Amino acid sequence: MKNLTHIDQQGQIRMVDISEKPRTFRLARARAILKAKKETIKLIRKNLLAKGDVLSTARIAGILAAKKTSQLIPLTHPLNLTNLSIDIELKKQKIILTASVKTVGQTGPDIEAITAAAIAAITIYDMVKAIDREMTIEKIQLIEKFGGKSGHYQRRGYPDK
C-alpha cells in the first residue's frame, strides 16, 4: 500500500504540501444514486412537489457544497473551481446525480465532485422525505479523474447506469 500523504513521518495528521507541484488542468466526476418509489420520481419529474423545484435546488446545493468543500473536509485545499456541473438523470426508481468539476491547479477536485454529488442527493432526500421515507442514497463514488501526476483514472465499468 502507498504511504498515506496526510500522515507525516511521526504519524501525525497533516495537510499535504502542494507548493512545489505544477499547476495543470484537472477534472473529476463523481456520482450518487438516490433510489425512490416510482410515484416519487413521477412527482419530481413533473415538478409537482409543494417544496418547489427539487432538481434545480439539488443542482444549486451541489454547486455550493463543492465550493465549500475545504471548509467541510479538514485536510482539503481550497480550490479555484473553473467549472462545475451536476447532471441529473431520472429513471423509473432512481435518480443518478453526476457532478463534474474542473480546475487548473496543483491538486485535483475529486473531493469537491464527491461532495457535490452527495449533497445534491441529500437535498433531494430532504425535499421529498415527507412523501417517501424509504428513499436511499447509494454508490457515492468517484467515477473519473484526470490530470496531475497520477494521470487518468476511470472506474471500471463506467459509464454504467
Protein backbone atom coordinates (compact mmCIF):
# COMPACT_ATOMS: atom_id res chain seq x y z
CA MET A 1 0.00 0.00 0.00
CA LYS A 2 1.21 3.50 -0.79
CA ASN A 3 2.17 5.82 2.02
CA LEU A 4 -0.72 7.94 3.18
CA THR A 5 0.01 11.52 2.20
CA HIS A 6 -1.94 13.05 5.10
CA ILE A 7 0.28 11.37 7.70
CA ASP A 8 3.79 12.66 8.46
CA GLN A 9 6.84 10.59 9.45
CA GLN A 10 5.78 10.73 13.12
CA GLY A 11 2.27 9.50 12.34
CA GLN A 12 0.66 12.92 12.79
CA ILE A 13 -2.14 14.27 10.61
CA ARG A 14 -1.01 16.99 8.21
CA MET A 15 -2.15 18.90 5.18
CA VAL A 16 -0.19 17.83 2.12
CA ASP A 17 2.30 20.45 0.90
CA ILE A 18 1.46 21.13 -2.75
CA SER A 19 3.52 24.30 -3.10
CA GLU A 20 6.08 22.64 -5.41
CA LYS A 21 3.52 20.88 -7.63
CA PRO A 22 2.91 22.31 -11.10
CA ARG A 23 -0.45 23.83 -12.00
CA THR A 24 -2.26 21.62 -14.52
CA PHE A 25 -5.77 21.14 -15.85
CA ARG A 26 -7.69 18.70 -13.68
CA LEU A 27 -11.14 17.15 -13.92
CA ALA A 28 -13.10 14.90 -11.60
CA ARG A 29 -16.51 13.26 -11.90
CA ALA A 30 -18.44 11.66 -9.09
CA ARG A 31 -21.84 10.10 -8.84
CA ALA A 32 -24.53 9.43 -6.27
CA ILE A 33 -27.67 7.37 -6.82
CA LEU A 34 -30.91 8.09 -4.98
CA LYS A 35 -33.45 5.29 -5.08
CA ALA A 36 -37.10 6.15 -4.56
CA LYS A 37 -40.62 4.92 -5.25
CA LYS A 38 -41.92 5.23 -8.82
CA GLU A 39 -44.59 7.67 -7.64
CA THR A 40 -41.95 9.87 -6.05
CA ILE A 41 -39.90 10.01 -9.25
CA LYS A 42 -43.04 10.91 -11.21
CA LEU A 43 -43.80 13.84 -8.88
CA ILE A 44 -40.21 15.09 -9.14
CA ARG A 45 -40.23 14.72 -12.93
CA LYS A 46 -43.48 16.71 -13.21
CA ASN A 47 -42.29 19.30 -10.64
CA LEU A 48 -45.41 18.77 -8.54
CA LEU A 49 -43.92 18.93 -5.05
CA ALA A 50 -45.00 21.55 -2.53
CA LYS A 51 -41.41 22.49 -1.68
CA GLY A 52 -40.72 23.63 -5.24
CA ASP A 53 -38.29 22.70 -8.00
CA VAL A 54 -36.41 19.79 -6.44
CA LEU A 55 -33.91 19.24 -9.26
CA SER A 56 -32.85 22.89 -9.59
CA THR A 57 -32.47 23.14 -5.82
CA ALA A 58 -30.34 19.97 -5.78
CA ARG A 59 -28.08 21.39 -8.50
CA ILE A 60 -27.57 24.62 -6.61
CA ALA A 61 -26.91 22.77 -3.34
CA GLY A 62 -24.33 20.54 -5.03
CA ILE A 63 -22.56 23.52 -6.58
CA LEU A 64 -22.47 25.38 -3.25
CA ALA A 65 -21.20 22.27 -1.47
CA ALA A 66 -18.32 21.81 -3.93
CA LYS A 67 -17.32 25.45 -3.43
CA LYS A 68 -17.24 24.93 0.36
CA THR A 69 -15.50 21.56 0.42
CA SER A 70 -12.31 22.87 2.05
CA GLN A 71 -14.47 24.19 4.90
CA LEU A 72 -16.14 20.80 5.38
CA ILE A 73 -13.31 18.31 4.88
CA PRO A 74 -10.42 19.31 7.15
CA LEU A 75 -7.35 18.45 5.05
CA THR A 76 -8.53 19.51 1.59
CA HIS A 77 -7.06 22.55 -0.11
CA PRO A 78 -9.25 25.47 -1.18
CA LEU A 79 -9.51 25.23 -4.96
CA ASN A 80 -10.29 27.72 -7.67
CA LEU A 81 -13.02 25.79 -9.47
CA THR A 82 -13.20 26.78 -13.12
CA ASN A 83 -16.34 24.81 -13.97
CA LEU A 84 -18.87 22.72 -12.12
CA SER A 85 -21.96 20.97 -13.40
CA ILE A 86 -24.42 18.48 -11.98
CA ASP A 87 -26.23 16.26 -14.44
CA ILE A 88 -29.40 14.62 -13.19
CA GLU A 89 -30.92 11.60 -14.87
CA LEU A 90 -34.30 10.31 -13.76
CA LYS A 91 -35.03 6.61 -14.16
CA LYS A 92 -38.12 4.67 -13.06
CA GLN A 93 -36.99 4.20 -9.46
CA LYS A 94 -33.74 6.10 -9.16
CA ILE A 95 -32.08 9.42 -9.78
CA ILE A 96 -28.47 9.44 -10.97
CA LEU A 97 -26.59 12.60 -10.00
CA THR A 98 -23.23 13.15 -11.68
CA ALA A 99 -21.04 16.04 -10.61
CA SER A 100 -18.25 17.19 -12.96
CA VAL A 101 -15.68 19.60 -11.58
CA LYS A 102 -12.80 21.30 -13.38
CA THR A 103 -9.87 23.32 -12.11
CA VAL A 104 -6.40 24.43 -13.11
CA GLY A 105 -4.26 23.92 -10.07
CA GLN A 106 -1.86 21.88 -8.02
CA THR A 107 -4.33 19.30 -6.76
CA GLY A 108 -7.43 17.67 -8.15
CA PRO A 109 -11.10 18.34 -7.45
CA ASP A 110 -12.12 14.76 -6.67
CA ILE A 111 -13.33 15.51 -3.15
CA GLU A 112 -15.27 18.51 -4.48
CA ALA A 113 -17.01 16.28 -7.05
CA ILE A 114 -17.86 13.64 -4.44
CA THR A 115 -19.17 16.32 -2.08
CA ALA A 116 -21.28 17.91 -4.83
CA ALA A 117 -22.91 14.61 -5.82
CA ALA A 118 -23.59 13.62 -2.21
CA ILE A 119 -25.09 16.96 -1.18
CA ALA A 120 -27.25 17.13 -4.32
CA ALA A 121 -28.66 13.69 -3.44
CA ILE A 122 -29.18 14.65 0.21
CA THR A 123 -31.00 17.79 -0.89
CA ILE A 124 -33.45 15.74 -2.95
CA TYR A 125 -33.97 13.45 0.02
CA ASP A 126 -34.66 16.43 2.28
CA MET A 127 -37.16 17.98 -0.11
CA VAL A 128 -39.06 14.73 -0.73
CA LYS A 129 -38.84 12.89 2.59
CA ALA A 130 -42.39 13.85 3.58
CA ILE A 131 -43.79 11.64 0.81
CA ASP A 132 -41.12 8.91 0.63
CA ARG A 133 -39.15 8.00 3.75
CA GLU A 134 -37.94 4.77 2.10
CA MET A 135 -35.50 6.59 -0.20
CA THR A 136 -31.87 5.52 -0.09
CA ILE A 137 -28.70 7.20 -1.28
CA GLU A 138 -26.21 4.72 -2.70
CA LYS A 139 -22.96 4.42 -4.59
CA ILE A 140 -21.46 7.80 -3.80
CA GLN A 141 -18.23 7.33 -5.71
CA LEU A 142 -15.53 8.87 -7.82
CA ILE A 143 -16.06 7.69 -11.39
CA GLU A 144 -13.34 9.58 -13.24
CA LYS A 145 -10.31 11.73 -12.52
CA PHE A 146 -7.94 13.37 -15.00
CA GLY A 147 -4.80 15.43 -14.63
CA GLY A 148 -1.81 15.71 -12.41
CA LYS A 149 0.92 13.19 -11.74
CA SER A 150 -1.41 10.21 -11.43
CA GLY A 151 -2.89 10.75 -14.91
CA HIS A 152 -6.28 9.45 -15.95
CA TYR A 153 -8.39 7.22 -13.72
CA GLN A 154 -11.72 5.80 -14.77
CA ARG A 155 -13.77 3.48 -12.60
CA ARG A 156 -14.10 0.05 -14.14
CA GLY A 157 -17.50 -0.37 -15.74
CA TYR A 158 -18.06 3.36 -16.15
CA PRO A 159 -20.03 4.72 -17.84
CA ASP A 160 -22.71 2.47 -16.45
CA LYS A 161 -26.15 3.41 -15.37
